[in-house]
Amino acid sequence: FPDKYCLRPMSDYTKKPPGLLQFWSHSGLTPGEESVLQQITAGYRA
């Protein structure tokens, strides 16, 4: 169904950033990662 989608090569990645960070839950949540998550989500109830 290529006509139904906008097919985008990963070489265009920087032209349209995902607005998302992905971690690796299987390794467990480290204190450093949790600190980053807290900073990103701060004010989520604002």
ModelCIF file with pLDDT and N, C-alpha, C, O atoms, coordinates in Angstrom:
data_MODEL
#
_entry.id   MODEL 
#
_entity.id                         1 
_entity.type                       polymer 
_entity.pdbx_number_of_molecules   1 
#
_entity_poly.entity_id                      1 
_entity_poly.type                           'polypeptide(L)' 
_entity_poly.nstd_linkage                   no 
_entity_poly.nstd_monomer                   no 
_entity_poly.pdbx_seq_one_letter_code       FPDKYCLRPMSDYTKKPPGLLQFWSHSGLTPGEESVLQQITAGYRA 
_entity_poly.pdbx_seq_one_letter_code_can   FPDKYCLRPMSDYTKKPPGLLQFWSHSGLTPGEESVLQQITAGYRA 
_entity_poly.pdbx_strand_id                 A 
#
loop_
_entity_poly_seq.entity_id 
_entity_poly_seq.num 
_entity_poly_seq.mon_id 
_entity_poly_seq.hetero 
1 1  PHE n 
1 2  PRO n 
1 3  ASP n 
1 4  LYS n 
1 5  TYR n 
1 6  CYS n 
1 7  LEU n 
1 8  ARG n 
1 9  PRO n 
1 10 MET n 
1 11 SER n 
1 12 ASP n 
1 13 TYR n 
1 14 THR n 
1 15 LYS n 
1 16 LYS n 
1 17 PRO n 
1 18 PRO n 
1 19 GLY n 
1 20 LEU n 
1 21 LEU n 
1 22 GLN n 
1 23 PHE n 
1 24 TRP n 
1 25 SER n 
1 26 HIS n 
1 27 SER n 
1 28 GLY n 
1 29 LEU n 
1 30 THR n 
1 31 PRO n 
1 32 GLY n 
1 33 GLU n 
1 34 GLU n 
1 35 SER n 
1 36 VAL n 
1 37 LEU n 
1 38 GLN n 
1 39 GLN n 
1 40 ILE n 
1 41 THR n 
1 42 ALA n 
1 43 GLY n 
1 44 TYR n 
1 45 ARG n 
1 46 ALA n 
#
_struct_asym.id          A 
_struct_asym.entity_id   1 
#
loop_
_ma_qa_metric.id 
_ma_qa_metric.mode 
_ma_qa_metric.name 
_ma_qa_metric.software_group_id 
_ma_qa_metric.type 
1 global pLDDT . pLDDT 
2 local  pLDDT . pLDDT 
#
_ma_qa_metric_global.metric_id      1 
_ma_qa_metric_global.metric_value   93.52 
_ma_qa_metric_global.model_id       1 
_ma_qa_metric_global.ordinal_id     1 
#
loop_
_ma_qa_metric_local.label_asym_id 
_ma_qa_metric_local.label_comp_id 
_ma_qa_metric_local.label_seq_id 
_ma_qa_metric_local.metric_id 
_ma_qa_metric_local.metric_value 
_ma_qa_metric_local.model_id 
_ma_qa_metric_local.ordinal_id 
A PHE 1  2 97.00 1 1  
A PRO 2  2 97.00 1 2  
A ASP 3  2 97.00 1 3  
A LYS 4  2 97.00 1 4  
A TYR 5  2 98.00 1 5  
A CYS 6  2 97.00 1 6  
A LEU 7  2 98.00 1 7  
A ARG 8  2 97.00 1 8  
A PRO 9  2 96.00 1 9  
A MET 10 2 94.00 1 10 
A SER 11 2 92.00 1 11 
A ASP 12 2 92.00 1 12 
A TYR 13 2 89.00 1 13 
A THR 14 2 88.00 1 14 
A LYS 15 2 91.00 1 15 
A LYS 16 2 93.00 1 16 
A PRO 17 2 92.00 1 17 
A PRO 18 2 94.00 1 18 
A GLY 19 2 96.00 1 19 
A LEU 20 2 97.00 1 20 
A LEU 21 2 96.00 1 21 
A GLN 22 2 94.00 1 22 
A PHE 23 2 94.00 1 23 
A TRP 24 2 90.00 1 24 
A SER 25 2 92.00 1 25 
A HIS 26 2 85.00 1 26 
A SER 27 2 83.00 1 27 
A GLY 28 2 88.00 1 28 
A LEU 29 2 93.00 1 29 
A THR 30 2 94.00 1 30 
A PRO 31 2 95.00 1 31 
A GLY 32 2 96.00 1 32 
A GLU 33 2 96.00 1 33 
A GLU 34 2 96.00 1 34 
A SER 35 2 97.00 1 35 
A VAL 36 2 97.00 1 36 
A LEU 37 2 97.00 1 37 
A GLN 38 2 97.00 1 38 
A GLN 39 2 97.00 1 39 
A ILE 40 2 98.00 1 40 
A THR 41 2 98.00 1 41 
A ALA 42 2 97.00 1 42 
A GLY 43 2 95.00 1 43 
A TYR 44 2 94.00 1 44 
A ARG 45 2 89.00 1 45 
A ALA 46 2 62.00 1 46 
#
loop_
_atom_site.group_PDB 
_atom_site.id 
_atom_site.type_symbol 
_atom_site.label_atom_id 
_atom_site.label_alt_id 
_atom_site.label_comp_id 
_atom_site.label_asym_id 
_atom_site.label_entity_id 
_atom_site.label_seq_id 
_atom_site.pdbx_PDB_ins_code 
_atom_site.Cartn_x 
_atom_site.Cartn_y 
_atom_site.Cartn_z 
_atom_site.occupancy 
_atom_site.B_iso_or_equiv 
_atom_site.pdbx_formal_charge 
_atom_site.auth_seq_id 
_atom_site.auth_comp_id 
_atom_site.auth_asym_id 
_atom_site.auth_atom_id 
_atom_site.pdbx_PDB_model_num 
ATOM 1   N N  . PHE A 1 1  ? 0.818  -1.213 0.000  1.00 97.00 ? 1  PHE A N  1 
ATOM 2   C CA . PHE A 1 1  ? 0.000  0.000  0.000  1.00 97.00 ? 1  PHE A CA 1 
ATOM 3   C C  . PHE A 1 1  ? 0.856  1.270  0.000  1.00 97.00 ? 1  PHE A C  1 
ATOM 4   O O  . PHE A 1 1  ? 0.582  2.182  0.779  1.00 97.00 ? 1  PHE A O  1 
ATOM 5   N N  . PRO A 1 2  ? 1.861  1.353  -0.832 1.00 97.00 ? 2  PRO A N  1 
ATOM 6   C CA . PRO A 1 2  ? 2.780  2.507  -0.772 1.00 97.00 ? 2  PRO A CA 1 
ATOM 7   C C  . PRO A 1 2  ? 2.092  3.836  -1.055 1.00 97.00 ? 2  PRO A C  1 
ATOM 8   O O  . PRO A 1 2  ? 2.550  4.875  -0.579 1.00 97.00 ? 2  PRO A O  1 
ATOM 9   N N  . ASP A 1 3  ? 1.011  3.827  -1.812 1.00 97.00 ? 3  ASP A N  1 
ATOM 10  C CA . ASP A 1 3  ? 0.315  5.067  -2.131 1.00 97.00 ? 3  ASP A CA 1 
ATOM 11  C C  . ASP A 1 3  ? -0.496 5.596  -0.963 1.00 97.00 ? 3  ASP A C  1 
ATOM 12  O O  . ASP A 1 3  ? -0.942 6.743  -0.982 1.00 97.00 ? 3  ASP A O  1 
ATOM 13  N N  . LYS A 1 4  ? -0.692 4.758  0.064  1.00 97.00 ? 4  LYS A N  1 
ATOM 14  C CA . LYS A 1 4  ? -1.487 5.155  1.229  1.00 97.00 ? 4  LYS A CA 1 
ATOM 15  C C  . LYS A 1 4  ? -0.635 5.795  2.321  1.00 97.00 ? 4  LYS A C  1 
ATOM 16  O O  . LYS A 1 4  ? -1.175 6.314  3.299  1.00 97.00 ? 4  LYS A O  1 
ATOM 17  N N  . TYR A 1 5  ? 0.683  5.765  2.167  1.00 98.00 ? 5  TYR A N  1 
ATOM 18  C CA . TYR A 1 5  ? 1.588  6.228  3.215  1.00 98.00 ? 5  TYR A CA 1 
ATOM 19  C C  . TYR A 1 5  ? 2.617  7.181  2.656  1.00 98.00 ? 5  TYR A C  1 
ATOM 20  O O  . TYR A 1 5  ? 2.845  7.238  1.447  1.00 98.00 ? 5  TYR A O  1 
ATOM 21  N N  . CYS A 1 6  ? 3.237  7.928  3.550  1.00 97.00 ? 6  CYS A N  1 
ATOM 22  C CA . CYS A 1 6  ? 4.406  8.715  3.188  1.00 97.00 ? 6  CYS A CA 1 
ATOM 23  C C  . CYS A 1 6  ? 5.627  7.908  3.615  1.00 97.00 ? 6  CYS A C  1 
ATOM 24  O O  . CYS A 1 6  ? 5.938  7.825  4.803  1.00 97.00 ? 6  CYS A O  1 
ATOM 25  N N  . LEU A 1 7  ? 6.309  7.321  2.654  1.00 98.00 ? 7  LEU A N  1 
ATOM 26  C CA . LEU A 1 7  ? 7.465  6.481  2.931  1.00 98.00 ? 7  LEU A CA 1 
ATOM 27  C C  . LEU A 1 7  ? 8.694  7.365  3.105  1.00 98.00 ? 7  LEU A C  1 
ATOM 28  O O  . LEU A 1 7  ? 9.094  8.082  2.188  1.00 98.00 ? 7  LEU A O  1 
ATOM 29  N N  . ARG A 1 8  ? 9.287  7.301  4.303  1.00 97.00 ? 8  ARG A N  1 
ATOM 30  C CA . ARG A 1 8  ? 10.375 8.222  4.630  1.00 97.00 ? 8  ARG A CA 1 
ATOM 31  C C  . ARG A 1 8  ? 11.627 7.437  5.006  1.00 97.00 ? 8  ARG A C  1 
ATOM 32  O O  . ARG A 1 8  ? 11.586 6.628  5.932  1.00 97.00 ? 8  ARG A O  1 
ATOM 33  N N  . PRO A 1 9  ? 12.741 7.660  4.307  1.00 96.00 ? 9  PRO A N  1 
ATOM 34  C CA . PRO A 1 9  ? 13.987 6.978  4.652  1.00 96.00 ? 9  PRO A CA 1 
ATOM 35  C C  . PRO A 1 9  ? 14.568 7.531  5.946  1.00 96.00 ? 9  PRO A C  1 
ATOM 36  O O  . PRO A 1 9  ? 14.371 8.701  6.274  1.00 96.00 ? 9  PRO A O  1 
ATOM 37  N N  . MET A 1 10 ? 15.274 6.699  6.668  1.00 94.00 ? 10 MET A N  1 
ATOM 38  C CA . MET A 1 10 ? 15.880 7.138  7.914  1.00 94.00 ? 10 MET A CA 1 
ATOM 39  C C  . MET A 1 10 ? 16.930 8.214  7.699  1.00 94.00 ? 10 MET A C  1 
ATOM 40  O O  . MET A 1 10 ? 17.315 8.897  8.648  1.00 94.00 ? 10 MET A O  1 
ATOM 41  N N  . SER A 1 11 ? 17.391 8.373  6.489  1.00 92.00 ? 11 SER A N  1 
ATOM 42  C CA . SER A 1 11 ? 18.328 9.460  6.194  1.00 92.00 ? 11 SER A CA 1 
ATOM 43  C C  . SER A 1 11 ? 17.671 10.832 6.360  1.00 92.00 ? 11 SER A C  1 
ATOM 44  O O  . SER A 1 11 ? 18.364 11.846 6.447  1.00 92.00 ? 11 SER A O  1 
ATOM 45  N N  . ASP A 1 12 ? 16.340 10.863 6.404  1.00 92.00 ? 12 ASP A N  1 
ATOM 46  C CA . ASP A 1 12 ? 15.602 12.108 6.632  1.00 92.00 ? 12 ASP A CA 1 
ATOM 47  C C  . ASP A 1 12 ? 15.324 12.364 8.111  1.00 92.00 ? 12 ASP A C  1 
ATOM 48  O O  . ASP A 1 12 ? 14.600 13.298 8.455  1.00 92.00 ? 12 ASP A O  1 
ATOM 49  N N  . TYR A 1 13 ? 15.896 11.539 8.981  1.00 89.00 ? 13 TYR A N  1 
ATOM 50  C CA . TYR A 1 13 ? 15.562 11.567 10.408 1.00 89.00 ? 13 TYR A CA 1 
ATOM 51  C C  . TYR A 1 13 ? 15.644 12.974 11.007 1.00 89.00 ? 13 TYR A C  1 
ATOM 52  O O  . TYR A 1 13 ? 14.739 13.397 11.727 1.00 89.00 ? 13 TYR A O  1 
ATOM 53  N N  . THR A 1 14 ? 16.716 13.691 10.711 1.00 88.00 ? 14 THR A N  1 
ATOM 54  C CA . THR A 1 14 ? 16.910 15.004 11.329 1.00 88.00 ? 14 THR A CA 1 
ATOM 55  C C  . THR A 1 14 ? 15.944 16.055 10.771 1.00 88.00 ? 14 THR A C  1 
ATOM 56  O O  . THR A 1 14 ? 15.754 17.112 11.372 1.00 88.00 ? 14 THR A O  1 
ATOM 57  N N  . LYS A 1 15 ? 15.342 15.757 9.625  1.00 91.00 ? 15 LYS A N  1 
ATOM 58  C CA . LYS A 1 15 ? 14.389 16.703 9.046  1.00 91.00 ? 15 LYS A CA 1 
ATOM 59  C C  . LYS A 1 15 ? 13.054 16.683 9.779  1.00 91.00 ? 15 LYS A C  1 
ATOM 60  O O  . LYS A 1 15 ? 12.280 17.637 9.702  1.00 91.00 ? 15 LYS A O  1 
ATOM 61  N N  . LYS A 1 16 ? 12.791 15.591 10.487 1.00 93.00 ? 16 LYS A N  1 
ATOM 62  C CA . LYS A 1 16 ? 11.534 15.467 11.223 1.00 93.00 ? 16 LYS A CA 1 
ATOM 63  C C  . LYS A 1 16 ? 11.778 14.643 12.480 1.00 93.00 ? 16 LYS A C  1 
ATOM 64  O O  . LYS A 1 16 ? 11.454 13.456 12.518 1.00 93.00 ? 16 LYS A O  1 
ATOM 65  N N  . PRO A 1 17 ? 12.348 15.267 13.509 1.00 92.00 ? 17 PRO A N  1 
ATOM 66  C CA . PRO A 1 17 ? 12.655 14.544 14.741 1.00 92.00 ? 17 PRO A CA 1 
ATOM 67  C C  . PRO A 1 17 ? 11.393 13.931 15.354 1.00 92.00 ? 17 PRO A C  1 
ATOM 68  O O  . PRO A 1 17 ? 10.302 14.478 15.192 1.00 92.00 ? 17 PRO A O  1 
ATOM 69  N N  . PRO A 1 18 ? 11.529 12.805 16.055 1.00 94.00 ? 18 PRO A N  1 
ATOM 70  C CA . PRO A 1 18 ? 10.360 12.100 16.570 1.00 94.00 ? 18 PRO A CA 1 
ATOM 71  C C  . PRO A 1 18 ? 9.689  12.742 17.767 1.00 94.00 ? 18 PRO A C  1 
ATOM 72  O O  . PRO A 1 18 ? 8.539  12.424 18.069 1.00 94.00 ? 18 PRO A O  1 
ATOM 73  N N  . GLY A 1 19 ? 10.388 13.650 18.465 1.00 96.00 ? 19 GLY A N  1 
ATOM 74  C CA . GLY A 1 19 ? 9.794  14.241 19.666 1.00 96.00 ? 19 GLY A CA 1 
ATOM 75  C C  . GLY A 1 19 ? 9.599  13.225 20.775 1.00 96.00 ? 19 GLY A C  1 
ATOM 76  O O  . GLY A 1 19 ? 8.643  13.307 21.547 1.00 96.00 ? 19 GLY A O  1 
ATOM 77  N N  . LEU A 1 20 ? 10.507 12.270 20.848 1.00 97.00 ? 20 LEU A N  1 
ATOM 78  C CA . LEU A 1 20 ? 10.372 11.144 21.781 1.00 97.00 ? 20 LEU A CA 1 
ATOM 79  C C  . LEU A 1 20 ? 11.744 10.578 22.091 1.00 97.00 ? 20 LEU A C  1 
ATOM 80  O O  . LEU A 1 20 ? 12.633 10.570 21.239 1.00 97.00 ? 20 LEU A O  1 
ATOM 81  N N  . LEU A 1 21 ? 11.908 10.107 23.311 1.00 96.00 ? 21 LEU A N  1 
ATOM 82  C CA . LEU A 1 21 ? 13.111 9.376  23.692 1.00 96.00 ? 21 LEU A CA 1 
ATOM 83  C C  . LEU A 1 21 ? 12.722 7.946  24.050 1.00 96.00 ? 21 LEU A C  1 
ATOM 84  O O  . LEU A 1 21 ? 11.728 7.720  24.740 1.00 96.00 ? 21 LEU A O  1 
ATOM 85  N N  . GLN A 1 22 ? 13.502 6.996  23.582 1.00 94.00 ? 22 GLN A N  1 
ATOM 86  C CA . GLN A 1 22 ? 13.262 5.599  23.919 1.00 94.00 ? 22 GLN A CA 1 
ATOM 87  C C  . GLN A 1 22 ? 14.401 5.081  24.775 1.00 94.00 ? 22 GLN A C  1 
ATOM 88  O O  . GLN A 1 22 ? 15.575 5.299  24.477 1.00 94.00 ? 22 GLN A O  1 
ATOM 89  N N  . PHE A 1 23 ? 14.031 4.390  25.846 1.00 94.00 ? 23 PHE A N  1 
ATOM 90  C CA . PHE A 1 23 ? 15.013 3.790  26.736 1.00 94.00 ? 23 PHE A CA 1 
ATOM 91  C C  . PHE A 1 23 ? 14.975 2.272  26.545 1.00 94.00 ? 23 PHE A C  1 
ATOM 92  O O  . PHE A 1 23 ? 14.421 1.784  25.559 1.00 94.00 ? 23 PHE A O  1 
ATOM 93  N N  . TRP A 1 24 ? 15.552 1.538  27.469 1.00 90.00 ? 24 TRP A N  1 
ATOM 94  C CA . TRP A 1 24 ? 15.604 0.075  27.386 1.00 90.00 ? 24 TRP A CA 1 
ATOM 95  C C  . TRP A 1 24 ? 15.180 -0.481 28.732 1.00 90.00 ? 24 TRP A C  1 
ATOM 96  O O  . TRP A 1 24 ? 15.994 -0.636 29.642 1.00 90.00 ? 24 TRP A O  1 
ATOM 97  N N  . SER A 1 25 ? 13.883 -0.782 28.846 1.00 92.00 ? 25 SER A N  1 
ATOM 98  C CA . SER A 1 25 ? 13.336 -1.152 30.149 1.00 92.00 ? 25 SER A CA 1 
ATOM 99  C C  . SER A 1 25 ? 13.929 -2.447 30.693 1.00 92.00 ? 25 SER A C  1 
ATOM 100 O O  . SER A 1 25 ? 13.967 -2.639 31.909 1.00 92.00 ? 25 SER A O  1 
ATOM 101 N N  . HIS A 1 26 ? 14.392 -3.337 29.818 1.00 85.00 ? 26 HIS A N  1 
ATOM 102 C CA . HIS A 1 26 ? 14.881 -4.632 30.277 1.00 85.00 ? 26 HIS A CA 1 
ATOM 103 C C  . HIS A 1 26 ? 16.129 -4.504 31.141 1.00 85.00 ? 26 HIS A C  1 
ATOM 104 O O  . HIS A 1 26 ? 16.437 -5.405 31.921 1.00 85.00 ? 26 HIS A O  1 
ATOM 105 N N  . SER A 1 27 ? 16.836 -3.416 31.012 1.00 83.00 ? 27 SER A N  1 
ATOM 106 C CA . SER A 1 27 ? 18.043 -3.236 31.810 1.00 83.00 ? 27 SER A CA 1 
ATOM 107 C C  . SER A 1 27 ? 17.746 -2.636 33.181 1.00 83.00 ? 27 SER A C  1 
ATOM 108 O O  . SER A 1 27 ? 18.652 -2.484 34.000 1.00 83.00 ? 27 SER A O  1 
ATOM 109 N N  . GLY A 1 28 ? 16.470 -2.292 33.439 1.00 88.00 ? 28 GLY A N  1 
ATOM 110 C CA . GLY A 1 28 ? 16.100 -1.684 34.702 1.00 88.00 ? 28 GLY A CA 1 
ATOM 111 C C  . GLY A 1 28 ? 16.232 -0.179 34.651 1.00 88.00 ? 28 GLY A C  1 
ATOM 112 O O  . GLY A 1 28 ? 16.977 0.363  33.836 1.00 88.00 ? 28 GLY A O  1 
ATOM 113 N N  . LEU A 1 29 ? 15.510 0.488  35.520 1.00 93.00 ? 29 LEU A N  1 
ATOM 114 C CA . LEU A 1 29 ? 15.505 1.951  35.564 1.00 93.00 ? 29 LEU A CA 1 
ATOM 115 C C  . LEU A 1 29 ? 16.604 2.423  36.515 1.00 93.00 ? 29 LEU A C  1 
ATOM 116 O O  . LEU A 1 29 ? 16.498 2.247  37.728 1.00 93.00 ? 29 LEU A O  1 
ATOM 117 N N  . THR A 1 30 ? 17.656 3.021  35.963 1.00 94.00 ? 30 THR A N  1 
ATOM 118 C CA . THR A 1 30 ? 18.767 3.483  36.783 1.00 94.00 ? 30 THR A CA 1 
ATOM 119 C C  . THR A 1 30 ? 18.441 4.851  37.389 1.00 94.00 ? 30 THR A C  1 
ATOM 120 O O  . THR A 1 30 ? 17.574 5.557  36.874 1.00 94.00 ? 30 THR A O  1 
ATOM 121 N N  . PRO A 1 31 ? 19.123 5.238  38.477 1.00 95.00 ? 31 PRO A N  1 
ATOM 122 C CA . PRO A 1 31 ? 18.896 6.565  39.050 1.00 95.00 ? 31 PRO A CA 1 
ATOM 123 C C  . PRO A 1 31 ? 19.141 7.684  38.049 1.00 95.00 ? 31 PRO A C  1 
ATOM 124 O O  . PRO A 1 31 ? 18.426 8.686  38.053 1.00 95.00 ? 31 PRO A O  1 
ATOM 125 N N  . GLY A 1 32 ? 20.148 7.523  37.191 1.00 96.00 ? 32 GLY A N  1 
ATOM 126 C CA . GLY A 1 32 ? 20.422 8.543  36.187 1.00 96.00 ? 32 GLY A CA 1 
ATOM 127 C C  . GLY A 1 32 ? 19.293 8.673  35.184 1.00 96.00 ? 32 GLY A C  1 
ATOM 128 O O  . GLY A 1 32 ? 18.910 9.783  34.814 1.00 96.00 ? 32 GLY A O  1 
ATOM 129 N N  . GLU A 1 33 ? 18.757 7.540  34.740 1.00 96.00 ? 33 GLU A N  1 
ATOM 130 C CA . GLU A 1 33 ? 17.637 7.566  33.805 1.00 96.00 ? 33 GLU A CA 1 
ATOM 131 C C  . GLU A 1 33 ? 16.403 8.174  34.447 1.00 96.00 ? 33 GLU A C  1 
ATOM 132 O O  . GLU A 1 33 ? 15.687 8.950  33.814 1.00 96.00 ? 33 GLU A O  1 
ATOM 133 N N  . GLU A 1 34 ? 16.153 7.824  35.699 1.00 96.00 ? 34 GLU A N  1 
ATOM 134 C CA . GLU A 1 34 ? 14.982 8.370  36.377 1.00 96.00 ? 34 GLU A CA 1 
ATOM 135 C C  . GLU A 1 34 ? 15.098 9.882  36.528 1.00 96.00 ? 34 GLU A C  1 
ATOM 136 O O  . GLU A 1 34 ? 14.100 10.594 36.423 1.00 96.00 ? 34 GLU A O  1 
ATOM 137 N N  . SER A 1 35 ? 16.296 10.370 36.771 1.00 97.00 ? 35 SER A N  1 
ATOM 138 C CA . SER A 1 35 ? 16.497 11.809 36.864 1.00 97.00 ? 35 SER A CA 1 
ATOM 139 C C  . SER A 1 35 ? 16.153 12.495 35.544 1.00 97.00 ? 35 SER A C  1 
ATOM 140 O O  . SER A 1 35 ? 15.530 13.557 35.536 1.00 97.00 ? 35 SER A O  1 
ATOM 141 N N  . VAL A 1 36 ? 16.558 11.886 34.431 1.00 97.00 ? 36 VAL A N  1 
ATOM 142 C CA . VAL A 1 36 ? 16.233 12.434 33.111 1.00 97.00 ? 36 VAL A CA 1 
ATOM 143 C C  . VAL A 1 36 ? 14.721 12.428 32.894 1.00 97.00 ? 36 VAL A C  1 
ATOM 144 O O  . VAL A 1 36 ? 14.156 13.406 32.403 1.00 97.00 ? 36 VAL A O  1 
ATOM 145 N N  . LEU A 1 37 ? 14.075 11.335 33.259 1.00 97.00 ? 37 LEU A N  1 
ATOM 146 C CA . LEU A 1 37 ? 12.628 11.222 33.087 1.00 97.00 ? 37 LEU A CA 1 
ATOM 147 C C  . LEU A 1 37 ? 11.893 12.259 33.935 1.00 97.00 ? 37 LEU A C  1 
ATOM 148 O O  . LEU A 1 37 ? 10.902 12.840 33.492 1.00 97.00 ? 37 LEU A O  1 
ATOM 149 N N  . GLN A 1 38 ? 12.375 12.486 35.136 1.00 97.00 ? 38 GLN A N  1 
ATOM 150 C CA . GLN A 1 38 ? 11.754 13.487 36.001 1.00 97.00 ? 38 GLN A CA 1 
ATOM 151 C C  . GLN A 1 38 ? 11.877 14.879 35.406 1.00 97.00 ? 38 GLN A C  1 
ATOM 152 O O  . GLN A 1 38 ? 10.940 15.675 35.480 1.00 97.00 ? 38 GLN A O  1 
ATOM 153 N N  . GLN A 1 39 ? 13.017 15.172 34.824 1.00 97.00 ? 39 GLN A N  1 
ATOM 154 C CA . GLN A 1 39 ? 13.210 16.487 34.200 1.00 97.00 ? 39 GLN A CA 1 
ATOM 155 C C  . GLN A 1 39 ? 12.289 16.669 32.999 1.00 97.00 ? 39 GLN A C  1 
ATOM 156 O O  . GLN A 1 39 ? 11.693 17.733 32.827 1.00 97.00 ? 39 GLN A O  1 
ATOM 157 N N  . ILE A 1 40 ? 12.171 15.635 32.169 1.00 98.00 ? 40 ILE A N  1 
ATOM 158 C CA . ILE A 1 40 ? 11.338 15.726 30.961 1.00 98.00 ? 40 ILE A CA 1 
ATOM 159 C C  . ILE A 1 40 ? 9.869  15.904 31.333 1.00 98.00 ? 40 ILE A C  1 
ATOM 160 O O  . ILE A 1 40 ? 9.160  16.686 30.699 1.00 98.00 ? 40 ILE A O  1 
ATOM 161 N N  . THR A 1 41 ? 9.412  15.192 32.345 1.00 98.00 ? 41 THR A N  1 
ATOM 162 C CA . THR A 1 41 ? 7.984  15.190 32.670 1.00 98.00 ? 41 THR A CA 1 
ATOM 163 C C  . THR A 1 41 ? 7.612  16.225 33.745 1.00 98.00 ? 41 THR A C  1 
ATOM 164 O O  . THR A 1 41 ? 6.447  16.316 34.133 1.00 98.00 ? 41 THR A O  1 
ATOM 165 N N  . ALA A 1 42 ? 8.572  16.988 34.219 1.00 97.00 ? 42 ALA A N  1 
ATOM 166 C CA . ALA A 1 42 ? 8.268  17.986 35.243 1.00 97.00 ? 42 ALA A CA 1 
ATOM 167 C C  . ALA A 1 42 ? 7.145  18.921 34.749 1.00 97.00 ? 42 ALA A C  1 
ATOM 168 O O  . ALA A 1 42 ? 7.155  19.376 33.605 1.00 97.00 ? 42 ALA A O  1 
ATOM 169 N N  . GLY A 1 43 ? 6.197  19.190 35.628 1.00 95.00 ? 43 GLY A N  1 
ATOM 170 C CA . GLY A 1 43 ? 5.095  20.065 35.270 1.00 95.00 ? 43 GLY A CA 1 
ATOM 171 C C  . GLY A 1 43 ? 4.017  19.382 34.453 1.00 95.00 ? 43 GLY A C  1 
ATOM 172 O O  . GLY A 1 43 ? 3.242  20.049 33.768 1.00 95.00 ? 43 GLY A O  1 
ATOM 173 N N  . TYR A 1 44 ? 3.959  18.068 34.516 1.00 94.00 ? 44 TYR A N  1 
ATOM 174 C CA . TYR A 1 44 ? 2.985  17.342 33.691 1.00 94.00 ? 44 TYR A CA 1 
ATOM 175 C C  . TYR A 1 44 ? 1.554  17.619 34.097 1.00 94.00 ? 44 TYR A C  1 
ATOM 176 O O  . TYR A 1 44 ? 0.639  17.379 33.309 1.00 94.00 ? 44 TYR A O  1 
ATOM 177 N N  . ARG A 1 45 ? 1.333  18.109 35.289 1.00 89.00 ? 45 ARG A N  1 
ATOM 178 C CA . ARG A 1 45 ? -0.031 18.448 35.726 1.00 89.00 ? 45 ARG A CA 1 
ATOM 179 C C  . ARG A 1 45 ? -0.274 19.961 35.646 1.00 89.00 ? 45 ARG A C  1 
ATOM 180 O O  . ARG A 1 45 ? -1.281 20.458 36.151 1.00 89.00 ? 45 ARG A O  1 
ATOM 181 N N  . ALA A 1 46 ? 0.643  20.680 35.017 1.00 62.00 ? 46 ALA A N  1 
ATOM 182 C CA . ALA A 1 46 ? 0.493  22.149 34.961 1.00 62.00 ? 46 ALA A CA 1 
ATOM 183 C C  . ALA A 1 46 ? -0.685 22.533 34.083 1.00 62.00 ? 46 ALA A C  1 
ATOM 184 O O  . ALA A 1 46 ? -0.969 23.719 33.914 1.00 62.00 ? 46 ALA A O  1 
#
